[in-house]
Amino acid sequence: MLDLGVLHLPRESGVRVQFTINRATRSAIGALVQMVGSSVTLTVLAAPKSDTLWPDMRDELVESITSGGGTASFREGPFGPEVEALIPKPEVNETRHVRLVGVDGPRWMLRAEIVGQAVMDSEAREAVYDYLRRVVVDRGSDPHPVRDVIELTMPESAQIRVDEKLGRPVVRRPNGPELPELR
């Protein structure tokens, strides 16, 4: 398993993992898992102790997609109801076909955004589902507001690449003790 802190991903040949980076914090907020013909973006969110998050979130996603000019419908999947959507991307003059899957766990929710062959091809989709069944979420005990994206821990090599691409973070050293000026 590839240990990303809150998320543990199965290691498989032909599967490549990249990260979605929050530029302001330089932290990984999602894992992009690429497999033959498809990719899945995995995001872990904090959820309430005594309730699920996915039912409300999927309804909000459908509303957001349709109000933005897209189409969305519910499909039944192995993890429960999913959202299949056509989302217009006018800035690049295309429409993205996606499948959104949510899995509720104790105090967490895993959101998977599937694109590529697995959206339409049932055999490719089953390979993605098989991979998702083996993903492990270890939320930890740190407090997080509900719906807060829980950051992933990147391997050191990935963190180095992020720092090279975005430049080194500015390390601010505290000034020493300040003495009042006497006159």
C-alpha atoms as a PDB file:
ATOM      1  CA  MET A   1       0.000   0.000   0.000  1.00  0.00           C
ATOM      2  CA  LEU A   2       1.107   3.538  -0.743  1.00  0.00           C
ATOM      3  CA  ASP A   3       0.819   5.404   2.575  1.00  0.00           C
ATOM      4  CA  LEU A   4      -0.473   8.947   2.070  1.00  0.00           C
ATOM      5  CA  GLY A   5      -1.383   9.511   5.711  1.00  0.00           C
ATOM      6  CA  VAL A   6      -5.165   9.626   5.718  1.00  0.00           C
ATOM      7  CA  LEU A   7      -5.326   7.571   2.502  1.00  0.00           C
ATOM      8  CA  HIS A   8      -3.669   4.229   1.726  1.00  0.00           C
ATOM      9  CA  LEU A   9      -3.697   3.214  -1.946  1.00  0.00           C
ATOM     10  CA  PRO A  10      -3.068  -0.245  -3.399  1.00  0.00           C
ATOM     11  CA  ARG A  11       0.153  -0.508  -5.403  1.00  0.00           C
ATOM     12  CA  GLU A  12      -0.485  -1.988  -8.846  1.00  0.00           C
ATOM     13  CA  SER A  13       1.533  -2.160 -12.024  1.00  0.00           C
ATOM     14  CA  GLY A  14       0.214   0.238 -14.638  1.00  0.00           C
ATOM     15  CA  VAL A  15      -1.306   2.521 -11.997  1.00  0.00           C
ATOM     16  CA  ARG A  16       0.200   5.967 -11.551  1.00  0.00           C
ATOM     17  CA  VAL A  17      -0.528   8.398  -8.711  1.00  0.00           C
ATOM     18  CA  GLN A  18      -0.270  12.190  -8.891  1.00  0.00           C
ATOM     19  CA  PHE A  19      -1.502  14.826  -6.470  1.00  0.00           C
ATOM     20  CA  THR A  20      -3.926  17.737  -6.493  1.00  0.00           C
ATOM     21  CA  ILE A  21      -2.044  20.558  -4.775  1.00  0.00           C
ATOM     22  CA  ASN A  22      -3.375  23.525  -2.837  1.00  0.00           C
ATOM     23  CA  ARG A  23      -0.966  26.219  -4.067  1.00  0.00           C
ATOM     24  CA  ALA A  24      -1.445  28.413  -1.003  1.00  0.00           C
ATOM     25  CA  THR A  25      -0.532  25.712   1.501  1.00  0.00           C
ATOM     26  CA  ARG A  26       1.571  23.521  -0.838  1.00  0.00           C
ATOM     27  CA  SER A  27      -0.278  20.514   0.517  1.00  0.00           C
ATOM     28  CA  ALA A  28      -1.898  17.579  -1.267  1.00  0.00           C
ATOM     29  CA  ILE A  29      -5.685  17.761  -1.117  1.00  0.00           C
ATOM     30  CA  GLY A  30      -6.360  14.854  -3.454  1.00  0.00           C
ATOM     31  CA  ALA A  31      -4.785  11.893  -5.202  1.00  0.00           C
ATOM     32  CA  LEU A  32      -5.193  11.411  -8.961  1.00  0.00           C
ATOM     33  CA  VAL A  33      -4.996   7.689  -9.698  1.00  0.00           C
ATOM     34  CA  GLN A  34      -4.418   6.949 -13.385  1.00  0.00           C
ATOM     35  CA  MET A  35      -5.075   3.525 -14.817  1.00  0.00           C
ATOM     36  CA  VAL A  36      -5.520   2.286 -18.370  1.00  0.00           C
ATOM     37  CA  GLY A  37      -7.957   4.638 -20.083  1.00  0.00           C
ATOM     38  CA  SER A  38      -9.381   6.129 -16.881  1.00  0.00           C
ATOM     39  CA  SER A  39      -8.460   8.269 -13.929  1.00  0.00           C
ATOM     40  CA  VAL A  40      -9.956   8.720 -10.477  1.00  0.00           C
ATOM     41  CA  THR A  41      -9.466  11.736  -8.239  1.00  0.00           C
ATOM     42  CA  LEU A  42      -9.769  10.731  -4.586  1.00  0.00           C
ATOM     43  CA  THR A  43     -10.531  13.291  -1.882  1.00  0.00           C
ATOM     44  CA  VAL A  44     -11.133  12.635   1.825  1.00  0.00           C
ATOM     45  CA  LEU A  45     -13.491  14.982   3.675  1.00  0.00           C
ATOM     46  CA  ALA A  46     -14.316  15.247   7.359  1.00  0.00           C
ATOM     47  CA  ALA A  47     -17.845  14.110   8.167  1.00  0.00           C
ATOM     48  CA  PRO A  48     -20.069  14.396  11.237  1.00  0.00           C
ATOM     49  CA  LYS A  49     -19.785  11.767  13.975  1.00  0.00           C
ATOM     50  CA  SER A  50     -23.406  10.686  13.830  1.00  0.00           C
ATOM     51  CA  ASP A  51     -24.468  11.251  10.220  1.00  0.00           C
ATOM     52  CA  THR A  52     -23.468  10.609   6.622  1.00  0.00           C
ATOM     53  CA  LEU A  53     -22.261  13.288   4.236  1.00  0.00           C
ATOM     54  CA  TRP A  54     -22.660  11.783   0.740  1.00  0.00           C
ATOM     55  CA  PRO A  55     -26.497  11.967   0.418  1.00  0.00           C
ATOM     56  CA  ASP A  56     -26.544  15.755   0.928  1.00  0.00           C
ATOM     57  CA  MET A  57     -23.363  16.304  -1.046  1.00  0.00           C
ATOM     58  CA  ARG A  58     -24.559  14.376  -4.111  1.00  0.00           C
ATOM     59  CA  ASP A  59     -27.833  16.354  -4.156  1.00  0.00           C
ATOM     60  CA  GLU A  60     -25.831  19.599  -4.008  1.00  0.00           C
ATOM     61  CA  LEU A  61     -23.523  18.382  -6.791  1.00  0.00           C
ATOM     62  CA  VAL A  62     -26.493  17.594  -9.049  1.00  0.00           C
ATOM     63  CA  GLU A  63     -27.991  21.029  -8.368  1.00  0.00           C
ATOM     64  CA  SER A  64     -24.668  22.766  -9.037  1.00  0.00           C
ATOM     65  CA  ILE A  65     -24.040  20.837 -12.265  1.00  0.00           C
ATOM     66  CA  THR A  66     -27.526  21.434 -13.675  1.00  0.00           C
ATOM     67  CA  SER A  67     -27.544  25.125 -12.706  1.00  0.00           C
ATOM     68  CA  GLY A  68     -24.203  25.453 -14.538  1.00  0.00           C
ATOM     69  CA  GLY A  69     -25.716  24.130 -17.775  1.00  0.00           C
ATOM     70  CA  GLY A  70     -24.752  20.479 -17.360  1.00  0.00           C
ATOM     71  CA  THR A  71     -26.825  17.362 -16.964  1.00  0.00           C
ATOM     72  CA  ALA A  72     -26.709  14.945 -14.057  1.00  0.00           C
ATOM     73  CA  SER A  73     -28.534  11.800 -13.061  1.00  0.00           C
ATOM     74  CA  PHE A  74     -28.339   9.223 -10.310  1.00  0.00           C
ATOM     75  CA  ARG A  75     -27.034   5.721 -11.012  1.00  0.00           C
ATOM     76  CA  GLU A  76     -26.856   2.813  -8.615  1.00  0.00           C
ATOM     77  CA  GLY A  77     -23.336   1.537  -8.002  1.00  0.00           C
ATOM     78  CA  PRO A  78     -21.658  -0.936  -5.654  1.00  0.00           C
ATOM     79  CA  PHE A  79     -21.154   1.794  -3.026  1.00  0.00           C
ATOM     80  CA  GLY A  80     -24.711   3.138  -3.325  1.00  0.00           C
ATOM     81  CA  PRO A  81     -26.155   5.993  -5.406  1.00  0.00           C
ATOM     82  CA  GLU A  82     -23.688   7.762  -7.719  1.00  0.00           C
ATOM     83  CA  VAL A  83     -23.929  10.819  -9.929  1.00  0.00           C
ATOM     84  CA  GLU A  84     -23.246  10.545 -13.658  1.00  0.00           C
ATOM     85  CA  ALA A  85     -22.845  13.967 -15.231  1.00  0.00           C
ATOM     86  CA  LEU A  86     -21.974  15.907 -18.353  1.00  0.00           C
ATOM     87  CA  ILE A  87     -20.240  19.079 -17.202  1.00  0.00           C
ATOM     88  CA  PRO A  88     -19.623  21.868 -19.732  1.00  0.00           C
ATOM     89  CA  LYS A  89     -16.146  23.414 -19.679  1.00  0.00           C
ATOM     90  CA  PRO A  90     -16.592  26.545 -21.836  1.00  0.00           C
ATOM     91  CA  GLU A  91     -13.014  27.771 -21.247  1.00  0.00           C
ATOM     92  CA  VAL A  92     -11.722  24.776 -23.241  1.00  0.00           C
ATOM     93  CA  ASN A  93     -14.848  24.308 -25.388  1.00  0.00           C
ATOM     94  CA  GLU A  94     -15.605  20.764 -24.243  1.00  0.00           C
ATOM     95  CA  THR A  95     -17.917  18.749 -22.041  1.00  0.00           C
ATOM     96  CA  ARG A  96     -16.547  16.386 -19.383  1.00  0.00           C
ATOM     97  CA  HIS A  97     -18.346  13.119 -18.747  1.00  0.00           C
ATOM     98  CA  VAL A  98     -17.815  12.120 -15.105  1.00  0.00           C
ATOM     99  CA  ARG A  99     -19.065   9.660 -12.552  1.00  0.00           C
ATOM    100  CA  LEU A 100     -19.030  10.794  -8.904  1.00  0.00           C
ATOM    101  CA  VAL A 101     -18.918   8.185  -6.157  1.00  0.00           C
ATOM    102  CA  GLY A 102     -19.151   8.792  -2.423  1.00  0.00           C
ATOM    103  CA  VAL A 103     -18.305   6.387   0.375  1.00  0.00           C
ATOM    104  CA  ASP A 104     -19.242   7.351   3.939  1.00  0.00           C
ATOM    105  CA  GLY A 105     -17.139   6.088   6.830  1.00  0.00           C
ATOM    106  CA  PRO A 106     -16.772   6.924  10.517  1.00  0.00           C
ATOM    107  CA  ARG A 107     -16.175  10.715  10.598  1.00  0.00           C
ATOM    108  CA  TRP A 108     -14.980  10.753   6.965  1.00  0.00           C
ATOM    109  CA  MET A 109     -16.248  10.599   3.400  1.00  0.00           C
ATOM    110  CA  LEU A 110     -14.228   9.474   0.397  1.00  0.00           C
ATOM    111  CA  ARG A 111     -15.223  11.195  -2.852  1.00  0.00           C
ATOM    112  CA  ALA A 112     -14.097   9.633  -6.119  1.00  0.00           C
ATOM    113  CA  GLU A 113     -14.421  11.504  -9.418  1.00  0.00           C
ATOM    114  CA  ILE A 114     -14.077   9.048 -12.295  1.00  0.00           C
ATOM    115  CA  VAL A 115     -13.286  10.191 -15.854  1.00  0.00           C
ATOM    116  CA  GLY A 116     -12.297   8.358 -19.018  1.00  0.00           C
ATOM    117  CA  GLN A 117     -13.343   4.903 -20.221  1.00  0.00           C
ATOM    118  CA  ALA A 118     -14.701   3.826 -16.835  1.00  0.00           C
ATOM    119  CA  VAL A 119     -17.578   6.303 -17.102  1.00  0.00           C
ATOM    120  CA  MET A 120     -19.184   4.447 -20.033  1.00  0.00           C
ATOM    121  CA  ASP A 121     -17.466   1.047 -20.247  1.00  0.00           C
ATOM    122  CA  SER A 122     -18.698  -1.377 -17.572  1.00  0.00           C
ATOM    123  CA  GLU A 123     -15.538  -3.528 -17.699  1.00  0.00           C
ATOM    124  CA  ALA A 124     -13.257  -0.519 -17.148  1.00  0.00           C
ATOM    125  CA  ARG A 125     -15.620   0.780 -14.459  1.00  0.00           C
ATOM    126  CA  GLU A 126     -15.476  -2.572 -12.636  1.00  0.00           C
ATOM    127  CA  ALA A 127     -11.653  -2.328 -12.592  1.00  0.00           C
ATOM    128  CA  VAL A 128     -11.964   1.120 -10.962  1.00  0.00           C
ATOM    129  CA  TYR A 129     -14.520  -0.184  -8.444  1.00  0.00           C
ATOM    130  CA  ASP A 130     -12.200  -3.089  -7.620  1.00  0.00           C
ATOM    131  CA  TYR A 131      -9.397  -0.609  -6.944  1.00  0.00           C
ATOM    132  CA  LEU A 132     -11.693   1.566  -4.783  1.00  0.00           C
ATOM    133  CA  ARG A 133     -12.708  -1.466  -2.689  1.00  0.00           C
ATOM    134  CA  ARG A 134      -9.054  -1.830  -1.652  1.00  0.00           C
ATOM    135  CA  VAL A 135      -8.464   1.831  -0.743  1.00  0.00           C
ATOM    136  CA  VAL A 136      -8.137   2.365   3.018  1.00  0.00           C
ATOM    137  CA  VAL A 137      -9.054   5.607   4.793  1.00  0.00           C
ATOM    138  CA  ASP A 138      -7.426   6.280   8.179  1.00  0.00           C
ATOM    139  CA  ARG A 139      -8.921   9.613   9.222  1.00  0.00           C
ATOM    140  CA  GLY A 140      -6.985   9.929  12.461  1.00  0.00           C
ATOM    141  CA  SER A 141      -8.294  11.691  15.541  1.00  0.00           C
ATOM    142  CA  ASP A 142      -7.451  15.310  14.680  1.00  0.00           C
ATOM    143  CA  PRO A 143     -10.500  17.579  14.770  1.00  0.00           C
ATOM    144  CA  HIS A 144     -11.683  18.946  11.413  1.00  0.00           C
ATOM    145  CA  PRO A 145     -14.774  20.963  10.527  1.00  0.00           C
ATOM    146  CA  VAL A 146     -17.424  18.968   8.662  1.00  0.00           C
ATOM    147  CA  ARG A 147     -16.738  18.980   4.880  1.00  0.00           C
ATOM    148  CA  ASP A 148     -13.144  20.069   5.436  1.00  0.00           C
ATOM    149  CA  VAL A 149     -10.768  18.410   2.963  1.00  0.00           C
ATOM    150  CA  ILE A 150      -8.270  16.360   4.947  1.00  0.00           C
ATOM    151  CA  GLU A 151      -4.755  16.828   3.585  1.00  0.00           C
ATOM    152  CA  LEU A 152      -2.726  13.883   2.338  1.00  0.00           C
ATOM    153  CA  THR A 153       0.898  13.204   3.214  1.00  0.00           C
ATOM    154  CA  MET A 154       2.948  13.154   0.011  1.00  0.00           C
ATOM    155  CA  PRO A 155       6.040  11.011  -0.388  1.00  0.00           C
ATOM    156  CA  GLU A 156       9.217  13.080   0.020  1.00  0.00           C
ATOM    157  CA  SER A 157      10.038  12.820  -3.699  1.00  0.00           C
ATOM    158  CA  ALA A 158       6.646  14.313  -4.610  1.00  0.00           C
ATOM    159  CA  GLN A 159       7.052  17.121  -2.060  1.00  0.00           C
ATOM    160  CA  ILE A 160      10.449  17.964  -3.566  1.00  0.00           C
ATOM    161  CA  ARG A 161       8.866  18.200  -7.043  1.00  0.00           C
ATOM    162  CA  VAL A 162       6.132  20.492  -5.688  1.00  0.00           C
ATOM    163  CA  ASP A 163       8.744  22.741  -4.073  1.00  0.00           C
ATOM    164  CA  GLU A 164      10.776  22.826  -7.313  1.00  0.00           C
ATOM    165  CA  LYS A 165       7.723  23.700  -9.390  1.00  0.00           C
ATOM    166  CA  LEU A 166       6.275  26.299  -7.020  1.00  0.00           C
ATOM    167  CA  GLY A 167       9.558  27.548  -5.616  1.00  0.00           C
ATOM    168  CA  ARG A 168      10.765  27.077  -2.100  1.00  0.00           C
ATOM    169  CA  PRO A 169       8.366  28.184   0.616  1.00  0.00           C
ATOM    170  CA  VAL A 170       9.400  31.352   2.363  1.00  0.00           C
ATOM    171  CA  VAL A 171      10.548  30.537   5.871  1.00  0.00           C
ATOM    172  CA  ARG A 172       9.954  33.486   8.128  1.00  0.00           C
ATOM    173  CA  ARG A 173      12.170  33.504  11.149  1.00  0.00           C
ATOM    174  CA  PRO A 174      10.861  35.345  14.135  1.00  0.00           C
ATOM    175  CA  ASN A 175      12.711  38.462  15.090  1.00  0.00           C
ATOM    176  CA  GLY A 176      14.591  38.217  18.335  1.00  0.00           C
ATOM    177  CA  PRO A 177      13.392  40.098  21.365  1.00  0.00           C
ATOM    178  CA  GLU A 178      12.589  43.674  20.541  1.00  0.00           C
ATOM    179  CA  LEU A 179      13.894  46.365  22.826  1.00  0.00           C
ATOM    180  CA  PRO A 180      12.211  49.723  23.099  1.00  0.00           C
ATOM    181  CA  GLU A 181      14.222  52.656  21.845  1.00  0.00           C
ATOM    182  CA  LEU A 182      15.346  54.934  24.661  1.00  0.00           C
ATOM    183  CA  ARG A 183      15.806  58.671  24.088  1.00  0.00           C
END
